[in-house]
PDB file of N, CA and C in Angstrom:
ATOM      1  N   MET A   1       4.393 -13.927   6.594  1.00  0.00           N
ATOM      2  CA  MET A   1       3.047 -13.430   6.469  1.00  0.00           C
ATOM      3  C   MET A   1       2.299 -15.330   6.041  1.00  0.00           C
ATOM      4  N   THR A   2       1.035 -15.391   6.559  1.00  0.00           N
ATOM      5  CA  THR A   2       0.742 -17.225   6.292  1.00  0.00           C
ATOM      6  C   THR A   2      -0.588 -16.807   5.927  1.00  0.00           C
ATOM      7  N   GLY A   3      -1.572 -15.450   5.972  1.00  0.00           N
ATOM      8  CA  GLY A   3      -2.147 -15.276   4.798  1.00  0.00           C
ATOM      9  C   GLY A   3      -2.745 -13.432   5.003  1.00  0.00           C
ATOM     10  N   TRP A   4      -2.652 -13.007   3.907  1.00  0.00           N
ATOM     11  CA  TRP A   4      -3.056 -11.243   3.759  1.00  0.00           C
ATOM     12  C   TRP A   4      -4.035 -11.289   2.541  1.00  0.00           C
ATOM     13  N   LEU A   5      -4.784 -10.362   3.522  1.00  0.00           N
ATOM     14  CA  LEU A   5      -6.402  -9.694   2.742  1.00  0.00           C
ATOM     15  C   LEU A   5      -5.678  -8.482   2.003  1.00  0.00           C
ATOM     16  N   GLY A   6      -5.011  -7.690   2.377  1.00  0.00           N
ATOM     17  CA  GLY A   6      -4.927  -7.129   1.596  1.00  0.00           C
ATOM     18  C   GLY A   6      -4.407  -5.586   2.483  1.00  0.00           C
ATOM     19  N   GLY A   7      -4.308  -4.038   1.798  1.00  0.00           N
ATOM     20  CA  GLY A   7      -4.600  -3.440   2.565  1.00  0.00           C
ATOM     21  C   GLY A   7      -3.209  -2.783   3.351  1.00  0.00           C
ATOM     22  N   LEU A   8      -3.166  -1.944   4.307  1.00  0.00           N
ATOM     23  CA  LEU A   8      -2.063  -2.033   4.915  1.00  0.00           C
ATOM     24  C   LEU A   8      -1.467  -2.349   6.012  1.00  0.00           C
ATOM     25  N   THR A   9      -0.369  -3.136   6.510  1.00  0.00           N
ATOM     26  CA  THR A   9       0.046  -4.062   7.798  1.00  0.00           C
ATOM     27  C   THR A   9       1.549  -3.187   7.928  1.00  0.00           C
ATOM     28  N   ILE A  10       1.741  -2.494   9.243  1.00  0.00           N
ATOM     29  CA  ILE A  10       2.810  -2.123   9.251  1.00  0.00           C
ATOM     30  C   ILE A  10       2.972  -2.834  10.994  1.00  0.00           C
ATOM     31  N   ARG A  11       4.566  -3.174  10.987  1.00  0.00           N
ATOM     32  CA  ARG A  11       5.325  -3.806  11.917  1.00  0.00           C
ATOM     33  C   ARG A  11       6.192  -3.087  12.234  1.00  0.00           C
ATOM     34  N   THR A  12       5.830  -3.590  13.610  1.00  0.00           N
ATOM     35  CA  THR A  12       7.290  -3.329  14.783  1.00  0.00           C
ATOM     36  C   THR A  12       8.140  -4.418  15.420  1.00  0.00           C
ATOM     37  N   GLY A  13       9.310  -3.820  16.120  1.00  0.00           N
ATOM     38  CA  GLY A  13       9.611  -4.647  16.391  1.00  0.00           C
ATOM     39  C   GLY A  13      11.157  -4.606  16.651  1.00  0.00           C
ATOM     40  N   PRO A  14      11.786  -5.580  16.589  1.00  0.00           N
ATOM     41  CA  PRO A  14      13.578  -5.765  16.621  1.00  0.00           C
ATOM     42  C   PRO A  14      13.740  -4.986  15.534  1.00  0.00           C
ATOM     43  N   GLY A  15      14.747  -4.499  14.787  1.00  0.00           N
ATOM     44  CA  GLY A  15      14.946  -3.437  13.813  1.00  0.00           C
ATOM     45  C   GLY A  15      14.034  -2.020  13.059  1.00  0.00           C
ATOM     46  N   PRO A  16      14.298  -1.753  11.915  1.00  0.00           N
ATOM     47  CA  PRO A  16      13.396  -0.665  11.848  1.00  0.00           C
ATOM     48  C   PRO A  16      11.988  -0.833  11.256  1.00  0.00           C
ATOM     49  N   PRO A  17      11.030  -0.543  11.797  1.00  0.00           N
ATOM     50  CA  PRO A  17       9.146  -0.474  11.157  1.00  0.00           C
ATOM     51  C   PRO A  17       9.370  -0.542   9.820  1.00  0.00           C
ATOM     52  N   THR A  18       8.685  -1.800   9.396  1.00  0.00           N
ATOM     53  CA  THR A  18       8.133  -1.868   8.464  1.00  0.00           C
ATOM     54  C   THR A  18       6.794  -2.118   7.400  1.00  0.00           C
ATOM     55  N   ALA A  19       6.108  -1.518   6.636  1.00  0.00           N
ATOM     56  CA  ALA A  19       5.281  -1.376   6.170  1.00  0.00           C
ATOM     57  C   ALA A  19       5.177  -1.968   5.014  1.00  0.00           C
ATOM     58  N   ASP A  20       3.446  -2.716   4.763  1.00  0.00           N
ATOM     59  CA  ASP A  20       3.244  -3.216   3.591  1.00  0.00           C
ATOM     60  C   ASP A  20       2.241  -2.952   3.270  1.00  0.00           C
ATOM     61  N   TYR A  21       2.066  -2.261   1.607  1.00  0.00           N
ATOM     62  CA  TYR A  21       0.672  -2.089   1.261  1.00  0.00           C
ATOM     63  C   TYR A  21       0.417  -2.808   0.414  1.00  0.00           C
ATOM     64  N   LEU A  22      -0.795  -3.854   0.175  1.00  0.00           N
ATOM     65  CA  LEU A  22      -1.449  -4.776  -0.863  1.00  0.00           C
ATOM     66  C   LEU A  22      -2.189  -4.026  -1.186  1.00  0.00           C
ATOM     67  N   CYS A  23      -2.650  -4.109  -2.591  1.00  0.00           N
ATOM     68  CA  CYS A  23      -3.963  -3.462  -3.287  1.00  0.00           C
ATOM     69  C   CYS A  23      -4.225  -5.262  -3.781  1.00  0.00           C
ATOM     70  N   THR A  24      -5.753  -5.350  -3.324  1.00  0.00           N
ATOM     71  CA  THR A  24      -6.202  -6.878  -3.832  1.00  0.00           C
ATOM     72  C   THR A  24      -6.856  -6.948  -4.961  1.00  0.00           C
ATOM     73  N   HIS A  25      -7.252  -5.322  -5.500  1.00  0.00           N
ATOM     74  CA  HIS A  25      -7.581  -5.286  -7.044  1.00  0.00           C
ATOM     75  C   HIS A  25      -6.980  -5.516  -8.111  1.00  0.00           C
ATOM     76  N   CYS A  26      -5.640  -4.978  -7.887  1.00  0.00           N
ATOM     77  CA  CYS A  26      -4.668  -5.189  -8.973  1.00  0.00           C
ATOM     78  C   CYS A  26      -3.199  -6.234  -8.783  1.00  0.00           C
ATOM     79  N   TRP A  27      -3.148  -6.211  -7.454  1.00  0.00           N
ATOM     80  CA  TRP A  27      -2.429  -6.926  -6.761  1.00  0.00           C
ATOM     81  C   TRP A  27      -0.639  -6.016  -6.567  1.00  0.00           C
ATOM     82  N   TYR A  28      -1.016  -4.642  -6.658  1.00  0.00           N
ATOM     83  CA  TYR A  28      -0.350  -3.648  -6.347  1.00  0.00           C
ATOM     84  C   TYR A  28       0.976  -4.214  -5.044  1.00  0.00           C
ATOM     85  N   HIS A  29       2.115  -3.989  -5.045  1.00  0.00           N
ATOM     86  CA  HIS A  29       2.857  -4.025  -3.464  1.00  0.00           C
ATOM     87  C   HIS A  29       3.981  -3.202  -3.743  1.00  0.00           C
ATOM     88  N   GLN A  30       3.401  -2.513  -2.323  1.00  0.00           N
ATOM     89  CA  GLN A  30       4.848  -1.573  -1.796  1.00  0.00           C
ATOM     90  C   GLN A  30       5.306  -1.599  -0.553  1.00  0.00           C
ATOM     91  N   ARG A  31       6.765  -1.839  -0.302  1.00  0.00           N
ATOM     92  CA  ARG A  31       6.819  -2.056   1.210  1.00  0.00           C
ATOM     93  C   ARG A  31       7.427  -0.873   1.301  1.00  0.00           C
ATOM     94  N   LEU A  32       7.170  -0.049   2.382  1.00  0.00           N
ATOM     95  CA  LEU A  32       8.102   1.259   3.129  1.00  0.00           C
ATOM     96  C   LEU A  32       8.402   0.805   4.153  1.00  0.00           C
ATOM     97  N   THR A  33       9.684   1.178   4.983  1.00  0.00           N
ATOM     98  CA  THR A  33      10.893   1.193   5.720  1.00  0.00           C
ATOM     99  C   THR A  33      10.860   2.867   6.250  1.00  0.00           C
ATOM    100  N   GLY A  34      11.255   2.338   7.545  1.00  0.00           N
ATOM    101  CA  GLY A  34      11.872   3.805   8.414  1.00  0.00           C
ATOM    102  C   GLY A  34      10.434   4.720   8.667  1.00  0.00           C
ATOM    103  N   HIS A  35      10.901   4.906   9.917  1.00  0.00           N
ATOM    104  CA  HIS A  35       9.397   6.041  10.449  1.00  0.00           C
ATOM    105  C   HIS A  35       9.444   7.170   9.846  1.00  0.00           C
ATOM    106  N   ASP A  36       9.962   7.855   8.661  1.00  0.00           N
ATOM    107  CA  ASP A  36       9.277   8.928   8.168  1.00  0.00           C
ATOM    108  C   ASP A  36       8.503   8.380   7.074  1.00  0.00           C
ATOM    109  N   ARG A  37       9.241   7.422   6.147  1.00  0.00           N
ATOM    110  CA  ARG A  37       8.321   6.987   4.927  1.00  0.00           C
ATOM    111  C   ARG A  37       7.023   6.247   5.283  1.00  0.00           C
ATOM    112  N   ILE A  38       7.185   5.543   6.763  1.00  0.00           N
ATOM    113  CA  ILE A  38       6.055   5.020   7.034  1.00  0.00           C
ATOM    114  C   ILE A  38       4.726   6.272   7.505  1.00  0.00           C
ATOM    115  N   ARG A  39       5.239   7.163   7.970  1.00  0.00           N
ATOM    116  CA  ARG A  39       4.265   8.035   8.515  1.00  0.00           C
ATOM    117  C   ARG A  39       3.508   8.695   7.409  1.00  0.00           C
ATOM    118  N   TYR A  40       4.447   9.050   6.187  1.00  0.00           N
ATOM    119  CA  TYR A  40       3.999   9.971   4.896  1.00  0.00           C
ATOM    120  C   TYR A  40       3.501   8.753   3.964  1.00  0.00           C
ATOM    121  N   GLY A  41       3.706   7.261   4.458  1.00  0.00           N
ATOM    122  CA  GLY A  41       3.343   6.446   2.840  1.00  0.00           C
ATOM    123  C   GLY A  41       1.608   5.903   3.964  1.00  0.00           C
ATOM    124  N   ALA A  42       1.784   5.675   4.848  1.00  0.00           N
ATOM    125  CA  ALA A  42       0.230   5.490   5.691  1.00  0.00           C
ATOM    126  C   ALA A  42      -0.388   6.265   5.540  1.00  0.00           C
ATOM    127  N   ARG A  43      -0.342   7.478   5.292  1.00  0.00           N
ATOM    128  CA  ARG A  43      -1.289   8.692   4.732  1.00  0.00           C
ATOM    129  C   ARG A  43      -1.935   8.391   3.626  1.00  0.00           C
ATOM    130  N   ASP A  44      -0.816   8.686   2.505  1.00  0.00           N
ATOM    131  CA  ASP A  44      -0.921   9.206   0.948  1.00  0.00           C
ATOM    132  C   ASP A  44      -0.910   7.361   0.447  1.00  0.00           C
ATOM    133  N   LEU A  45      -0.082   6.974   0.185  1.00  0.00           N
ATOM    134  CA  LEU A  45      -0.016   5.914  -0.496  1.00  0.00           C
ATOM    135  C   LEU A  45      -1.508   5.120  -0.862  1.00  0.00           C
ATOM    136  N   PRO A  46      -2.232   4.476   0.347  1.00  0.00           N
ATOM    137  CA  PRO A  46      -3.817   3.673   0.002  1.00  0.00           C
ATOM    138  C   PRO A  46      -4.770   4.986  -1.313  1.00  0.00           C
ATOM    139  N   LEU A  47      -4.542   6.053  -0.822  1.00  0.00           N
ATOM    140  CA  LEU A  47      -5.141   7.211  -1.530  1.00  0.00           C
ATOM    141  C   LEU A  47      -5.108   7.689  -3.063  1.00  0.00           C
ATOM    142  N   THR A  48      -3.539   8.027  -3.195  1.00  0.00           N
ATOM    143  CA  THR A  48      -2.714   7.904  -4.144  1.00  0.00           C
ATOM    144  C   THR A  48      -3.102   6.971  -5.599  1.00  0.00           C
ATOM    145  N   HIS A  49      -2.826   5.227  -4.647  1.00  0.00           N
ATOM    146  CA  HIS A  49      -2.796   4.331  -5.532  1.00  0.00           C
ATOM    147  C   HIS A  49      -4.550   4.106  -6.278  1.00  0.00           C
ATOM    148  N   ARG A  50      -5.432   4.195  -4.929  1.00  0.00           N
ATOM    149  CA  ARG A  50      -6.729   4.189  -5.427  1.00  0.00           C
ATOM    150  C   ARG A  50      -7.169   5.049  -6.371  1.00  0.00           C
ATOM    151  N   ALA A  51      -6.810   6.210  -6.775  1.00  0.00           N
ATOM    152  CA  ALA A  51      -6.649   7.224  -7.787  1.00  0.00           C
ATOM    153  C   ALA A  51      -6.531   6.648  -8.981  1.00  0.00           C
ATOM    154  N   THR A  52      -5.504   5.564  -8.681  1.00  0.00           N
ATOM    155  CA  THR A  52      -5.110   5.416 -10.592  1.00  0.00           C
ATOM    156  C   THR A  52      -4.429   4.030 -10.703  1.00  0.00           C
ATOM    157  N   CYS A  53      -5.517   3.408  -9.594  1.00  0.00           N
ATOM    158  CA  CYS A  53      -5.322   1.975  -9.595  1.00  0.00           C
ATOM    159  C   CYS A  53      -5.892   1.403 -11.195  1.00  0.00           C
ATOM    160  N   PRO A  54      -5.283   0.903 -12.120  1.00  0.00           N
ATOM    161  CA  PRO A  54      -5.445   0.123 -13.344  1.00  0.00           C
ATOM    162  C   PRO A  54      -6.931  -1.015 -13.004  1.00  0.00           C
ATOM    163  N   ALA A  55      -7.121  -1.212 -12.419  1.00  0.00           N
ATOM    164  CA  ALA A  55      -8.071  -2.584 -12.104  1.00  0.00           C
ATOM    165  C   ALA A  55      -9.210  -1.363 -11.732  1.00  0.00           C
ATOM    166  N   LEU A  56      -9.365  -0.245 -11.044  1.00  0.00           N
ATOM    167  CA  LEU A  56     -10.368   0.252 -10.808  1.00  0.00           C
ATOM    168  C   LEU A  56     -11.151   1.247 -11.751  1.00  0.00           C
ATOM    169  N   HIS A  57      -9.817   1.635 -12.459  1.00  0.00           N
ATOM    170  CA  HIS A  57      -9.906   2.106 -13.578  1.00  0.00           C
ATOM    171  C   HIS A  57      -9.493   2.284 -14.886  1.00  0.00           C
ATOM    172  N   PRO A  58     -10.349   0.740 -15.325  1.00  0.00           N
ATOM    173  CA  PRO A  58      -9.618   0.475 -16.933  1.00  0.00           C
ATOM    174  C   PRO A  58      -9.594   1.651 -17.827  1.00  0.00           C
ATOM    175  N   LYS A  59      -8.634   1.476 -19.006  1.00  0.00           N
ATOM    176  CA  LYS A  59      -7.999   2.424 -19.975  1.00  0.00           C
ATOM    177  C   LYS A  59      -9.276   2.773 -20.708  1.00  0.00           C
ATOM    178  N   GLY A  60      -9.620   3.796 -20.926  1.00  0.00           N
ATOM    179  CA  GLY A  60     -10.368   4.889 -21.757  1.00  0.00           C
ATOM    180  C   GLY A  60     -11.677   5.416 -20.637  1.00  0.00           C
ATOM    181  N   THR A  61     -11.823   5.267 -19.530  1.00  0.00           N
ATOM    182  CA  THR A  61     -12.545   6.191 -18.546  1.00  0.00           C
ATOM    183  C   THR A  61     -11.658   6.945 -17.333  1.00  0.00           C
ATOM    184  N   THR A  62     -12.160   7.973 -16.848  1.00  0.00           N
ATOM    185  CA  THR A  62     -11.678   8.824 -16.165  1.00  0.00           C
ATOM    186  C   THR A  62     -11.958   8.714 -14.577  1.00  0.00           C
ATOM    187  N   PRO A  63     -10.794   8.875 -13.760  1.00  0.00           N
ATOM    188  CA  PRO A  63     -11.207   8.537 -12.197  1.00  0.00           C
ATOM    189  C   PRO A  63     -12.068   9.983 -11.821  1.00  0.00           C
TER     190      PRO A  63
END
């Protein structure tokens, strides 16, 4: 990838499908491969990470 703005990027093509999630607040990155992991990860990962992101919820604050 030449430029990545963050969020969820899903790639299909030869080989297994791959999804990358990047949080631009704390630079958390996770790669998912396979149909089932992408199906559930694309639905849950952005929401669950946003609830626990250390950049959005500094220590001492409640989400």
